[in-house]
Amino acid sequence: MNNDRGMKKWRPFASMPEQYTGLQEVINKQAEVPQPLLTEEQMEQINLTLIKALHTNKQVYLTYYKQGQCITETGFIQFVDSLGDLFIFIDDIFELKNKMRLSELIDVRFA
């Protein structure tokens, strides 16, 4: 005997996908952190490390702030413009060029 008779199975949380979107936004907001403020000395050290990495072509760990998160990537510095507040690095994984603002940087260390 078949008891289906065209009835849909009840799925309580799948009925409103917009709830998932809303919940994900709430979770993301809770995970956000404010951008750390750097001292003049920390900014100078970051700048010196970037310049040294550029000239020696050594791999670095870059930690930067983006959309409420602190992100760390590994790569090589290709260009630094301190006055223009930008630098270009090539990430280690996809070997893509990334243009970023120096003001987004939190930390730079040699790998």
C-alpha atoms as a PDB file:
ATOM      1  CA  MET A   1       0.000   0.000   0.000  1.00  0.00           C
ATOM      2  CA  ASN A   2       1.373   3.392  -1.002  1.00  0.00           C
ATOM      3  CA  ASN A   3       0.918   6.169   1.593  1.00  0.00           C
ATOM      4  CA  ASP A   4       2.560   8.970  -0.426  1.00  0.00           C
ATOM      5  CA  ARG A   5      -0.540  10.142  -2.304  1.00  0.00           C
ATOM      6  CA  GLY A   6       1.313  13.160  -3.654  1.00  0.00           C
ATOM      7  CA  MET A   7       2.050  14.616  -0.223  1.00  0.00           C
ATOM      8  CA  LYS A   8       5.225  16.631   0.189  1.00  0.00           C
ATOM      9  CA  LYS A   9       7.629  15.784   2.927  1.00  0.00           C
ATOM     10  CA  TRP A  10       7.704  18.464   5.619  1.00  0.00           C
ATOM     11  CA  ARG A  11      11.009  20.327   5.769  1.00  0.00           C
ATOM     12  CA  PRO A  12      10.704  22.982   8.474  1.00  0.00           C
ATOM     13  CA  PHE A  13      13.894  24.953   7.740  1.00  0.00           C
ATOM     14  CA  ALA A  14      13.908  24.645   3.971  1.00  0.00           C
ATOM     15  CA  SER A  15      10.614  26.452   3.642  1.00  0.00           C
ATOM     16  CA  MET A  16      12.102  29.927   3.999  1.00  0.00           C
ATOM     17  CA  PRO A  17      15.505  30.277   2.304  1.00  0.00           C
ATOM     18  CA  GLU A  18      15.542  34.016   3.040  1.00  0.00           C
ATOM     19  CA  GLN A  19      15.957  33.058   6.700  1.00  0.00           C
ATOM     20  CA  TYR A  20      19.282  31.451   5.814  1.00  0.00           C
ATOM     21  CA  THR A  21      20.444  34.683   4.236  1.00  0.00           C
ATOM     22  CA  GLY A  22      19.360  36.709   7.244  1.00  0.00           C
ATOM     23  CA  LEU A  23      20.944  34.302   9.697  1.00  0.00           C
ATOM     24  CA  GLN A  24      24.201  34.282   7.736  1.00  0.00           C
ATOM     25  CA  GLU A  25      24.281  38.085   7.827  1.00  0.00           C
ATOM     26  CA  VAL A  26      23.783  38.048  11.611  1.00  0.00           C
ATOM     27  CA  ILE A  27      26.547  35.470  12.035  1.00  0.00           C
ATOM     28  CA  ASN A  28      28.894  37.476   9.794  1.00  0.00           C
ATOM     29  CA  LYS A  29      28.152  40.684  11.721  1.00  0.00           C
ATOM     30  CA  GLN A  30      28.986  38.959  15.015  1.00  0.00           C
ATOM     31  CA  ALA A  31      32.304  37.745  13.580  1.00  0.00           C
ATOM     32  CA  GLU A  32      33.305  41.250  12.448  1.00  0.00           C
ATOM     33  CA  VAL A  33      36.123  43.024  14.213  1.00  0.00           C
ATOM     34  CA  PRO A  34      37.003  46.717  14.059  1.00  0.00           C
ATOM     35  CA  GLN A  35      40.075  47.641  12.037  1.00  0.00           C
ATOM     36  CA  PRO A  36      43.096  47.673  14.349  1.00  0.00           C
ATOM     37  CA  LEU A  37      44.737  51.064  14.728  1.00  0.00           C
ATOM     38  CA  LEU A  38      48.475  51.027  14.155  1.00  0.00           C
ATOM     39  CA  THR A  39      51.046  53.252  15.811  1.00  0.00           C
ATOM     40  CA  GLU A  40      53.368  55.391  13.714  1.00  0.00           C
ATOM     41  CA  GLU A  41      56.176  52.977  14.593  1.00  0.00           C
ATOM     42  CA  GLN A  42      54.172  49.938  13.413  1.00  0.00           C
ATOM     43  CA  MET A  43      53.332  51.661  10.107  1.00  0.00           C
ATOM     44  CA  GLU A  44      56.997  52.552   9.592  1.00  0.00           C
ATOM     45  CA  GLN A  45      58.033  48.938  10.278  1.00  0.00           C
ATOM     46  CA  ILE A  46      55.444  47.649   7.788  1.00  0.00           C
ATOM     47  CA  ASN A  47      56.732  50.089   5.175  1.00  0.00           C
ATOM     48  CA  LEU A  48      60.365  49.040   5.739  1.00  0.00           C
ATOM     49  CA  THR A  49      59.458  45.340   5.534  1.00  0.00           C
ATOM     50  CA  LEU A  50      57.538  45.927   2.293  1.00  0.00           C
ATOM     51  CA  ILE A  51      60.470  47.774   0.714  1.00  0.00           C
ATOM     52  CA  LYS A  52      62.918  45.070   1.828  1.00  0.00           C
ATOM     53  CA  ALA A  53      60.616  42.321   0.509  1.00  0.00           C
ATOM     54  CA  LEU A  54      60.320  44.172  -2.800  1.00  0.00           C
ATOM     55  CA  HIS A  55      64.081  44.459  -3.254  1.00  0.00           C
ATOM     56  CA  THR A  56      64.972  40.943  -2.058  1.00  0.00           C
ATOM     57  CA  ASN A  57      61.971  39.213  -3.666  1.00  0.00           C
ATOM     58  CA  LYS A  58      61.392  37.261  -0.450  1.00  0.00           C
ATOM     59  CA  GLN A  59      58.023  35.756   0.365  1.00  0.00           C
ATOM     60  CA  VAL A  60      55.947  37.524   3.048  1.00  0.00           C
ATOM     61  CA  TYR A  61      52.876  36.948   5.174  1.00  0.00           C
ATOM     62  CA  LEU A  62      50.497  39.873   4.673  1.00  0.00           C
ATOM     63  CA  THR A  63      47.765  40.489   7.201  1.00  0.00           C
ATOM     64  CA  TYR A  64      45.184  43.013   6.082  1.00  0.00           C
ATOM     65  CA  TYR A  65      41.738  44.233   7.061  1.00  0.00           C
ATOM     66  CA  LYS A  66      38.826  43.693   4.695  1.00  0.00           C
ATOM     67  CA  GLN A  67      35.085  43.868   5.352  1.00  0.00           C
ATOM     68  CA  GLY A  68      35.326  43.372   9.100  1.00  0.00           C
ATOM     69  CA  GLN A  69      37.886  40.571   8.974  1.00  0.00           C
ATOM     70  CA  CYS A  70      41.634  40.233   9.392  1.00  0.00           C
ATOM     71  CA  ILE A  71      42.956  38.105   6.542  1.00  0.00           C
ATOM     72  CA  THR A  72      46.465  36.652   6.165  1.00  0.00           C
ATOM     73  CA  GLU A  73      47.898  35.648   2.807  1.00  0.00           C
ATOM     74  CA  THR A  74      51.311  34.617   1.568  1.00  0.00           C
ATOM     75  CA  GLY A  75      52.854  36.269  -1.453  1.00  0.00           C
ATOM     76  CA  PHE A  76      55.536  38.394  -3.054  1.00  0.00           C
ATOM     77  CA  ILE A  77      55.618  42.193  -3.145  1.00  0.00           C
ATOM     78  CA  GLN A  78      55.782  43.546  -6.693  1.00  0.00           C
ATOM     79  CA  PHE A  79      55.275  47.301  -6.235  1.00  0.00           C
ATOM     80  CA  VAL A  80      55.069  49.792  -3.362  1.00  0.00           C
ATOM     81  CA  ASP A  81      53.867  53.412  -3.557  1.00  0.00           C
ATOM     82  CA  SER A  82      53.954  54.878  -0.057  1.00  0.00           C
ATOM     83  CA  LEU A  83      52.721  58.309  -1.129  1.00  0.00           C
ATOM     84  CA  GLY A  84      49.894  56.839  -3.207  1.00  0.00           C
ATOM     85  CA  ASP A  85      48.875  54.487  -0.361  1.00  0.00           C
ATOM     86  CA  LEU A  86      49.040  51.356  -2.508  1.00  0.00           C
ATOM     87  CA  PHE A  87      51.047  48.243  -3.135  1.00  0.00           C
ATOM     88  CA  ILE A  88      50.811  45.235  -5.399  1.00  0.00           C
ATOM     89  CA  PHE A  89      51.509  41.683  -4.319  1.00  0.00           C
ATOM     90  CA  ILE A  90      51.312  38.347  -6.090  1.00  0.00           C
ATOM     91  CA  ASP A  91      49.585  35.749  -3.969  1.00  0.00           C
ATOM     92  CA  ASP A  92      51.319  32.431  -3.479  1.00  0.00           C
ATOM     93  CA  ILE A  93      48.350  30.181  -4.256  1.00  0.00           C
ATOM     94  CA  PHE A  94      46.864  31.492  -7.513  1.00  0.00           C
ATOM     95  CA  GLU A  95      49.769  33.735  -8.527  1.00  0.00           C
ATOM     96  CA  LEU A  96      47.354  36.610  -9.120  1.00  0.00           C
ATOM     97  CA  LYS A  97      48.235  40.287  -8.903  1.00  0.00           C
ATOM     98  CA  ASN A  98      46.440  42.016  -6.047  1.00  0.00           C
ATOM     99  CA  LYS A  99      46.364  45.793  -5.734  1.00  0.00           C
ATOM    100  CA  MET A 100      45.734  46.962  -2.175  1.00  0.00           C
ATOM    101  CA  ARG A 101      45.870  50.054  -0.017  1.00  0.00           C
ATOM    102  CA  LEU A 102      48.723  50.343   2.446  1.00  0.00           C
ATOM    103  CA  SER A 103      46.188  51.634   4.977  1.00  0.00           C
ATOM    104  CA  GLU A 104      44.483  48.192   4.949  1.00  0.00           C
ATOM    105  CA  LEU A 105      47.676  46.447   6.093  1.00  0.00           C
ATOM    106  CA  ILE A 106      47.898  45.301   9.687  1.00  0.00           C
ATOM    107  CA  ASP A 107      51.141  43.330   9.590  1.00  0.00           C
ATOM    108  CA  VAL A 108      53.851  42.134   7.191  1.00  0.00           C
ATOM    109  CA  ARG A 109      56.368  39.437   8.106  1.00  0.00           C
ATOM    110  CA  PHE A 110      58.875  37.417   6.160  1.00  0.00           C
ATOM    111  CA  ALA A 111      57.774  33.834   5.546  1.00  0.00           C
END
